[in-house]
Amino acid sequence: MTCQELVELVTDYLEGALPREEAARFEEHLAACGGCRTYLEQVRSTIAVAGASGDVVEPWAVSPLLDAFREWHGPGTRRNR
């Protein structure tokens, strides 16, 4: 799995929506890539902070936000890794 693939799957991974084999590939990549481990922790932290703020995302905004996270490539992420 490349870093780009991991970034594209991080939301599904955190939601427990990846098939077992793909989740295993995801975790194998994490074990070898410190940058992706850092990225995953940043996403987890963002989710925790957003959840703790007490603000509720308007229903109309949920889908566009999820799409944006799935399409976001992050700083320093190279497409050809």
PDB file of N, CA and C in Angstrom:
ATOM      1  N   MET A   1       0.852  -1.177   0.000  1.00  0.00           N
ATOM      2  CA  MET A   1       0.000   0.000   0.000  1.00  0.00           C
ATOM      3  C   MET A   1       0.894   1.233   0.000  1.00  0.00           C
ATOM      4  N   THR A   2       0.510   2.216  -0.783  1.00  0.00           N
ATOM      5  CA  THR A   2       1.266   3.463  -0.829  1.00  0.00           C
ATOM      6  C   THR A   2       0.701   4.442   0.207  1.00  0.00           C
ATOM      7  N   CYS A   3       1.460   5.491   0.470  1.00  0.00           N
ATOM      8  CA  CYS A   3       0.985   6.538   1.384  1.00  0.00           C
ATOM      9  C   CYS A   3      -0.305   7.155   0.853  1.00  0.00           C
ATOM     10  N   GLN A   4      -0.366   7.375  -0.443  1.00  0.00           N
ATOM     11  CA  GLN A   4      -1.556   7.955  -1.066  1.00  0.00           C
ATOM     12  C   GLN A   4      -2.779   7.072  -0.830  1.00  0.00           C
ATOM     13  N   GLU A   5      -2.614   5.778  -1.005  1.00  0.00           N
ATOM     14  CA  GLU A   5      -3.733   4.858  -0.775  1.00  0.00           C
ATOM     15  C   GLU A   5      -4.183   4.909   0.678  1.00  0.00           C
ATOM     16  N   LEU A   6      -3.227   4.963   1.603  1.00  0.00           N
ATOM     17  CA  LEU A   6      -3.564   5.032   3.015  1.00  0.00           C
ATOM     18  C   LEU A   6      -4.369   6.291   3.318  1.00  0.00           C
ATOM     19  N   VAL A   7      -3.933   7.422   2.808  1.00  0.00           N
ATOM     20  CA  VAL A   7      -4.644   8.686   3.039  1.00  0.00           C
ATOM     21  C   VAL A   7      -6.079   8.582   2.535  1.00  0.00           C
ATOM     22  N   GLU A   8      -6.259   7.944   1.398  1.00  0.00           N
ATOM     23  CA  GLU A   8      -7.593   7.813   0.827  1.00  0.00           C
ATOM     24  C   GLU A   8      -8.490   6.880   1.645  1.00  0.00           C
ATOM     25  N   LEU A   9      -7.890   5.984   2.424  1.00  0.00           N
ATOM     26  CA  LEU A   9      -8.662   4.992   3.173  1.00  0.00           C
ATOM     27  C   LEU A   9      -8.782   5.292   4.661  1.00  0.00           C
ATOM     28  N   VAL A  10      -8.148   6.350   5.142  1.00  0.00           N
ATOM     29  CA  VAL A  10      -8.074   6.583   6.580  1.00  0.00           C
ATOM     30  C   VAL A  10      -9.459   6.713   7.224  1.00  0.00           C
ATOM     31  N   THR A  11     -10.389   7.379   6.569  1.00  0.00           N
ATOM     32  CA  THR A  11     -11.725   7.533   7.143  1.00  0.00           C
ATOM     33  C   THR A  11     -12.406   6.177   7.283  1.00  0.00           C
ATOM     34  N   ASP A  12     -12.338   5.367   6.238  1.00  0.00           N
ATOM     35  CA  ASP A  12     -12.941   4.037   6.311  1.00  0.00           C
ATOM     36  C   ASP A  12     -12.264   3.189   7.385  1.00  0.00           C
ATOM     37  N   TYR A  13     -10.948   3.310   7.513  1.00  0.00           N
ATOM     38  CA  TYR A  13     -10.224   2.560   8.538  1.00  0.00           C
ATOM     39  C   TYR A  13     -10.712   2.937   9.937  1.00  0.00           C
ATOM     40  N   LEU A  14     -10.793   4.220  10.188  1.00  0.00           N
ATOM     41  CA  LEU A  14     -11.210   4.674  11.511  1.00  0.00           C
ATOM     42  C   LEU A  14     -12.666   4.323  11.811  1.00  0.00           C
ATOM     43  N   GLU A  15     -13.481   4.192  10.783  1.00  0.00           N
ATOM     44  CA  GLU A  15     -14.876   3.806  10.959  1.00  0.00           C
ATOM     45  C   GLU A  15     -15.044   2.286  11.021  1.00  0.00           C
ATOM     46  N   GLY A  16     -13.947   1.543  10.846  1.00  0.00           N
ATOM     47  CA  GLY A  16     -14.023   0.083  10.857  1.00  0.00           C
ATOM     48  C   GLY A  16     -14.712  -0.476   9.624  1.00  0.00           C
ATOM     49  N   ALA A  17     -14.660   0.275   8.516  1.00  0.00           N
ATOM     50  CA  ALA A  17     -15.386  -0.110   7.312  1.00  0.00           C
ATOM     51  C   ALA A  17     -14.512  -0.796   6.260  1.00  0.00           C
ATOM     52  N   LEU A  18     -13.228  -0.987   6.542  1.00  0.00           N
ATOM     53  CA  LEU A  18     -12.366  -1.649   5.565  1.00  0.00           C
ATOM     54  C   LEU A  18     -12.516  -3.168   5.676  1.00  0.00           C
ATOM     55  N   PRO A  19     -12.506  -3.847   4.548  1.00  0.00           N
ATOM     56  CA  PRO A  19     -12.469  -5.314   4.596  1.00  0.00           C
ATOM     57  C   PRO A  19     -11.208  -5.764   5.357  1.00  0.00           C
ATOM     58  N   ARG A  20     -11.283  -6.900   5.973  1.00  0.00           N
ATOM     59  CA  ARG A  20     -10.190  -7.398   6.825  1.00  0.00           C
ATOM     60  C   ARG A  20      -8.836  -7.386   6.118  1.00  0.00           C
ATOM     61  N   GLU A  21      -8.796  -7.855   4.882  1.00  0.00           N
ATOM     62  CA  GLU A  21      -7.522  -7.917   4.154  1.00  0.00           C
ATOM     63  C   GLU A  21      -6.964  -6.512   3.899  1.00  0.00           C
ATOM     64  N   GLU A  22      -7.836  -5.585   3.555  1.00  0.00           N
ATOM     65  CA  GLU A  22      -7.378  -4.220   3.295  1.00  0.00           C
ATOM     66  C   GLU A  22      -6.936  -3.540   4.590  1.00  0.00           C
ATOM     67  N   ALA A  23      -7.634  -3.808   5.684  1.00  0.00           N
ATOM     68  CA  ALA A  23      -7.233  -3.267   6.986  1.00  0.00           C
ATOM     69  C   ALA A  23      -5.857  -3.800   7.381  1.00  0.00           C
ATOM     70  N   ALA A  24      -5.596  -5.057   7.077  1.00  0.00           N
ATOM     71  CA  ALA A  24      -4.282  -5.636   7.378  1.00  0.00           C
ATOM     72  C   ALA A  24      -3.191  -4.944   6.562  1.00  0.00           C
ATOM     73  N   ARG A  25      -3.450  -4.681   5.283  1.00  0.00           N
ATOM     74  CA  ARG A  25      -2.485  -3.954   4.450  1.00  0.00           C
ATOM     75  C   ARG A  25      -2.262  -2.550   4.986  1.00  0.00           C
ATOM     76  N   PHE A  26      -3.333  -1.908   5.420  1.00  0.00           N
ATOM     77  CA  PHE A  26      -3.277  -0.568   6.004  1.00  0.00           C
ATOM     78  C   PHE A  26      -2.350  -0.586   7.218  1.00  0.00           C
ATOM     79  N   GLU A  27      -2.556  -1.553   8.104  1.00  0.00           N
ATOM     80  CA  GLU A  27      -1.761  -1.636   9.335  1.00  0.00           C
ATOM     81  C   GLU A  27      -0.313  -2.022   9.058  1.00  0.00           C
ATOM     82  N   GLU A  28      -0.084  -2.834   8.039  1.00  0.00           N
ATOM     83  CA  GLU A  28       1.301  -3.164   7.652  1.00  0.00           C
ATOM     84  C   GLU A  28       2.023  -1.908   7.194  1.00  0.00           C
ATOM     85  N   HIS A  29       1.335  -1.084   6.419  1.00  0.00           N
ATOM     86  CA  HIS A  29       1.948   0.161   5.965  1.00  0.00           C
ATOM     87  C   HIS A  29       2.249   1.072   7.155  1.00  0.00           C
ATOM     88  N   LEU A  30       1.302   1.168   8.076  1.00  0.00           N
ATOM     89  CA  LEU A  30       1.518   2.004   9.267  1.00  0.00           C
ATOM     90  C   LEU A  30       2.753   1.557  10.045  1.00  0.00           C
ATOM     91  N   ALA A  31       2.942   0.246  10.135  1.00  0.00           N
ATOM     92  CA  ALA A  31       4.080  -0.285  10.896  1.00  0.00           C
ATOM     93  C   ALA A  31       5.410   0.161  10.305  1.00  0.00           C
ATOM     94  N   ALA A  32       5.426   0.416   8.993  1.00  0.00           N
ATOM     95  CA  ALA A  32       6.670   0.771   8.314  1.00  0.00           C
ATOM     96  C   ALA A  32       6.814   2.256   7.998  1.00  0.00           C
ATOM     97  N   CYS A  33       5.750   3.047   8.203  1.00  0.00           N
ATOM     98  CA  CYS A  33       5.778   4.433   7.740  1.00  0.00           C
ATOM     99  C   CYS A  33       5.410   5.404   8.873  1.00  0.00           C
ATOM    100  N   GLY A  34       6.412   6.048   9.407  1.00  0.00           N
ATOM    101  CA  GLY A  34       6.196   7.009  10.485  1.00  0.00           C
ATOM    102  C   GLY A  34       5.349   8.197  10.069  1.00  0.00           C
ATOM    103  N   GLY A  35       5.496   8.644   8.829  1.00  0.00           N
ATOM    104  CA  GLY A  35       4.703   9.773   8.348  1.00  0.00           C
ATOM    105  C   GLY A  35       3.214   9.456   8.345  1.00  0.00           C
ATOM    106  N   CYS A  36       2.873   8.258   7.934  1.00  0.00           N
ATOM    107  CA  CYS A  36       1.460   7.869   7.909  1.00  0.00           C
ATOM    108  C   CYS A  36       0.930   7.630   9.323  1.00  0.00           C
ATOM    109  N   ARG A  37       1.781   7.133  10.224  1.00  0.00           N
ATOM    110  CA  ARG A  37       1.342   7.002  11.626  1.00  0.00           C
ATOM    111  C   ARG A  37       1.030   8.377  12.195  1.00  0.00           C
ATOM    112  N   THR A  38       1.883   9.353  11.897  1.00  0.00           N
ATOM    113  CA  THR A  38       1.653  10.717  12.357  1.00  0.00           C
ATOM    114  C   THR A  38       0.361  11.266  11.766  1.00  0.00           C
ATOM    115  N   TYR A  39       0.149  11.043  10.477  1.00  0.00           N
ATOM    116  CA  TYR A  39      -1.069  11.509   9.822  1.00  0.00           C
ATOM    117  C   TYR A  39      -2.307  10.894  10.479  1.00  0.00           C
ATOM    118  N   LEU A  40      -2.281   9.591  10.723  1.00  0.00           N
ATOM    119  CA  LEU A  40      -3.416   8.920  11.355  1.00  0.00           C
ATOM    120  C   LEU A  40      -3.698   9.511  12.731  1.00  0.00           C
ATOM    121  N   GLU A  41      -2.662   9.757  13.505  1.00  0.00           N
ATOM    122  CA  GLU A  41      -2.857  10.344  14.832  1.00  0.00           C
ATOM    123  C   GLU A  41      -3.409  11.765  14.741  1.00  0.00           C
ATOM    124  N   GLN A  42      -2.988  12.513  13.726  1.00  0.00           N
ATOM    125  CA  GLN A  42      -3.536  13.866  13.534  1.00  0.00           C
ATOM    126  C   GLN A  42      -5.023  13.805  13.213  1.00  0.00           C
ATOM    127  N   VAL A  43      -5.424  12.861  12.384  1.00  0.00           N
ATOM    128  CA  VAL A  43      -6.839  12.712  12.053  1.00  0.00           C
ATOM    129  C   VAL A  43      -7.609  12.308  13.300  1.00  0.00           C
ATOM    130  N   ARG A  44      -7.074  11.357  14.066  1.00  0.00           N
ATOM    131  CA  ARG A  44      -7.740  10.946  15.314  1.00  0.00           C
ATOM    132  C   ARG A  44      -7.874  12.123  16.277  1.00  0.00           C
ATOM    133  N   SER A  45      -6.823  12.922  16.398  1.00  0.00           N
ATOM    134  CA  SER A  45      -6.858  14.085  17.285  1.00  0.00           C
ATOM    135  C   SER A  45      -7.897  15.097  16.825  1.00  0.00           C
ATOM    136  N   THR A  46      -7.968  15.311  15.528  1.00  0.00           N
ATOM    137  CA  THR A  46      -8.948  16.241  14.969  1.00  0.00           C
ATOM    138  C   THR A  46     -10.360  15.773  15.281  1.00  0.00           C
ATOM    139  N   ILE A  47     -10.605  14.492  15.122  1.00  0.00           N
ATOM    140  CA  ILE A  47     -11.923  13.930  15.428  1.00  0.00           C
ATOM    141  C   ILE A  47     -12.236  14.097  16.913  1.00  0.00           C
ATOM    142  N   ALA A  48     -11.259  13.832  17.764  1.00  0.00           N
ATOM    143  CA  ALA A  48     -11.475  13.955  19.207  1.00  0.00           C
ATOM    144  C   ALA A  48     -11.783  15.398  19.605  1.00  0.00           C
ATOM    145  N   VAL A  49     -11.024  16.337  19.059  1.00  0.00           N
ATOM    146  CA  VAL A  49     -11.241  17.745  19.384  1.00  0.00           C
ATOM    147  C   VAL A  49     -12.597  18.207  18.872  1.00  0.00           C
ATOM    148  N   ALA A  50     -12.924  17.818  17.656  1.00  0.00           N
ATOM    149  CA  ALA A  50     -14.216  18.214  17.092  1.00  0.00           C
ATOM    150  C   ALA A  50     -15.364  17.628  17.910  1.00  0.00           C
ATOM    151  N   GLY A  51     -15.206  16.406  18.349  1.00  0.00           N
ATOM    152  CA  GLY A  51     -16.249  15.770  19.155  1.00  0.00           C
ATOM    153  C   GLY A  51     -16.375  16.386  20.531  1.00  0.00           C
ATOM    154  N   ALA A  52     -15.267  16.832  21.086  1.00  0.00           N
ATOM    155  CA  ALA A  52     -15.275  17.412  22.427  1.00  0.00           C
ATOM    156  C   ALA A  52     -15.784  18.843  22.433  1.00  0.00           C
ATOM    157  N   SER A  53     -15.825  19.464  21.265  1.00  0.00           N
ATOM    158  CA  SER A  53     -16.223  20.873  21.222  1.00  0.00           C
ATOM    159  C   SER A  53     -17.704  21.065  21.492  1.00  0.00           C
ATOM    160  N   GLY A  54     -18.474  19.998  21.323  1.00  0.00           N
ATOM    161  CA  GLY A  54     -19.902  20.106  21.552  1.00  0.00           C
ATOM    162  C   GLY A  54     -20.663  20.663  20.372  1.00  0.00           C
ATOM    163  N   ASP A  55     -19.934  21.147  19.360  1.00  0.00           N
ATOM    164  CA  ASP A  55     -20.597  21.652  18.164  1.00  0.00           C
ATOM    165  C   ASP A  55     -21.094  20.472  17.339  1.00  0.00           C
ATOM    166  N   VAL A  56     -22.223  20.649  16.736  1.00  0.00           N
ATOM    167  CA  VAL A  56     -22.800  19.616  15.896  1.00  0.00           C
ATOM    168  C   VAL A  56     -22.705  20.071  14.447  1.00  0.00           C
ATOM    169  N   VAL A  57     -22.247  19.169  13.605  1.00  0.00           N
ATOM    170  CA  VAL A  57     -22.169  19.482  12.178  1.00  0.00           C
ATOM    171  C   VAL A  57     -23.578  19.375  11.614  1.00  0.00           C
ATOM    172  N   GLU A  58     -23.952  20.378  10.878  1.00  0.00           N
ATOM    173  CA  GLU A  58     -25.265  20.367  10.246  1.00  0.00           C
ATOM    174  C   GLU A  58     -25.368  19.166   9.304  1.00  0.00           C
ATOM    175  N   PRO A  59     -26.505  18.516   9.250  1.00  0.00           N
ATOM    176  CA  PRO A  59     -26.647  17.322   8.407  1.00  0.00           C
ATOM    177  C   PRO A  59     -26.252  17.552   6.950  1.00  0.00           C
ATOM    178  N   TRP A  60     -26.547  18.729   6.414  1.00  0.00           N
ATOM    179  CA  TRP A  60     -26.220  19.008   5.016  1.00  0.00           C
ATOM    180  C   TRP A  60     -24.712  19.081   4.789  1.00  0.00           C
ATOM    181  N   ALA A  61     -23.918  19.275   5.855  1.00  0.00           N
ATOM    182  CA  ALA A  61     -22.476  19.444   5.713  1.00  0.00           C
ATOM    183  C   ALA A  61     -21.697  18.144   5.871  1.00  0.00           C
ATOM    184  N   VAL A  62     -22.321  17.098   6.366  1.00  0.00           N
ATOM    185  CA  VAL A  62     -21.596  15.861   6.660  1.00  0.00           C
ATOM    186  C   VAL A  62     -20.990  15.247   5.399  1.00  0.00           C
ATOM    187  N   SER A  63     -21.780  15.031   4.372  1.00  0.00           N
ATOM    188  CA  SER A  63     -21.279  14.389   3.156  1.00  0.00           C
ATOM    189  C   SER A  63     -20.154  15.185   2.491  1.00  0.00           C
ATOM    190  N   PRO A  64     -20.306  16.511   2.315  1.00  0.00           N
ATOM    191  CA  PRO A  64     -19.189  17.264   1.713  1.00  0.00           C
ATOM    192  C   PRO A  64     -17.911  17.212   2.554  1.00  0.00           C
ATOM    193  N   LEU A  65     -18.043  17.211   3.869  1.00  0.00           N
ATOM    194  CA  LEU A  65     -16.859  17.133   4.721  1.00  0.00           C
ATOM    195  C   LEU A  65     -16.173  15.777   4.588  1.00  0.00           C
ATOM    196  N   LEU A  66     -16.955  14.704   4.599  1.00  0.00           N
ATOM    197  CA  LEU A  66     -16.368  13.375   4.434  1.00  0.00           C
ATOM    198  C   LEU A  66     -15.682  13.253   3.080  1.00  0.00           C
ATOM    199  N   ASP A  67     -16.306  13.788   2.041  1.00  0.00           N
ATOM    200  CA  ASP A  67     -15.685  13.768   0.710  1.00  0.00           C
ATOM    201  C   ASP A  67     -14.368  14.539   0.714  1.00  0.00           C
ATOM    202  N   ALA A  68     -14.350  15.676   1.374  1.00  0.00           N
ATOM    203  CA  ALA A  68     -13.133  16.486   1.434  1.00  0.00           C
ATOM    204  C   ALA A  68     -12.011  15.739   2.146  1.00  0.00           C
ATOM    205  N   PHE A  69     -12.324  15.055   3.252  1.00  0.00           N
ATOM    206  CA  PHE A  69     -11.300  14.292   3.959  1.00  0.00           C
ATOM    207  C   PHE A  69     -10.783  13.144   3.099  1.00  0.00           C
ATOM    208  N   ARG A  70     -11.673  12.491   2.383  1.00  0.00           N
ATOM    209  CA  ARG A  70     -11.251  11.374   1.531  1.00  0.00           C
ATOM    210  C   ARG A  70     -10.354  11.857   0.395  1.00  0.00           C
ATOM    211  N   GLU A  71     -10.603  13.051  -0.104  1.00  0.00           N
ATOM    212  CA  GLU A  71      -9.843  13.577  -1.240  1.00  0.00           C
ATOM    213  C   GLU A  71      -8.592  14.337  -0.816  1.00  0.00           C
ATOM    214  N   TRP A  72      -8.468  14.671   0.465  1.00  0.00           N
ATOM    215  CA  TRP A  72      -7.332  15.442   0.937  1.00  0.00           C
ATOM    216  C   TRP A  72      -6.087  14.580   0.920  1.00  0.00           C
ATOM    217  N   HIS A  73      -5.008  15.106   0.384  1.00  0.00           N
ATOM    218  CA  HIS A  73      -3.780  14.339   0.247  1.00  0.00           C
ATOM    219  C   HIS A  73      -2.757  14.696   1.308  1.00  0.00           C
ATOM    220  N   GLY A  74      -2.984  15.759   2.031  1.00  0.00           N
ATOM    221  CA  GLY A  74      -2.102  16.125   3.122  1.00  0.00           C
ATOM    222  C   GLY A  74      -0.788  16.710   2.658  1.00  0.00           C
ATOM    223  N   PRO A  75      -0.198  17.547   3.509  1.00  0.00           N
ATOM    224  CA  PRO A  75       1.096  18.126   3.169  1.00  0.00           C
ATOM    225  C   PRO A  75       2.169  17.055   3.162  1.00  0.00           C
ATOM    226  N   GLY A  76       3.014  17.117   2.167  1.00  0.00           N
ATOM    227  CA  GLY A  76       4.138  16.184   2.105  1.00  0.00           C
ATOM    228  C   GLY A  76       3.790  14.809   1.561  1.00  0.00           C
ATOM    229  N   THR A  77       2.537  14.547   1.265  1.00  0.00           N
ATOM    230  CA  THR A  77       2.159  13.255   0.727  1.00  0.00           C
ATOM    231  C   THR A  77       2.488  13.248  -0.749  1.00  0.00           C
ATOM    232  N   ARG A  78       3.248  12.268  -1.156  1.00  0.00           N
ATOM    233  CA  ARG A  78       3.625  12.165  -2.565  1.00  0.00           C
ATOM    234  C   ARG A  78       2.736  11.142  -3.243  1.00  0.00           C
ATOM    235  N   ARG A  79       2.316  11.468  -4.432  1.00  0.00           N
ATOM    236  CA  ARG A  79       1.421  10.562  -5.163  1.00  0.00           C
ATOM    237  C   ARG A  79       2.115   9.281  -5.615  1.00  0.00           C
ATOM    238  N   ASN A  80       3.405   9.289  -5.742  1.00  0.00           N
ATOM    239  CA  ASN A  80       4.099   8.117  -6.312  1.00  0.00           C
ATOM    240  C   ASN A  80       4.835   7.291  -5.254  1.00  0.00           C
ATOM    241  N   ARG A  81       4.433   7.350  -4.055  1.00  0.00           N
ATOM    242  CA  ARG A  81       5.122   6.543  -3.028  1.00  0.00           C
ATOM    243  C   ARG A  81       4.775   5.100  -3.180  1.00  0.00           C
TER     244      ARG A  81
END
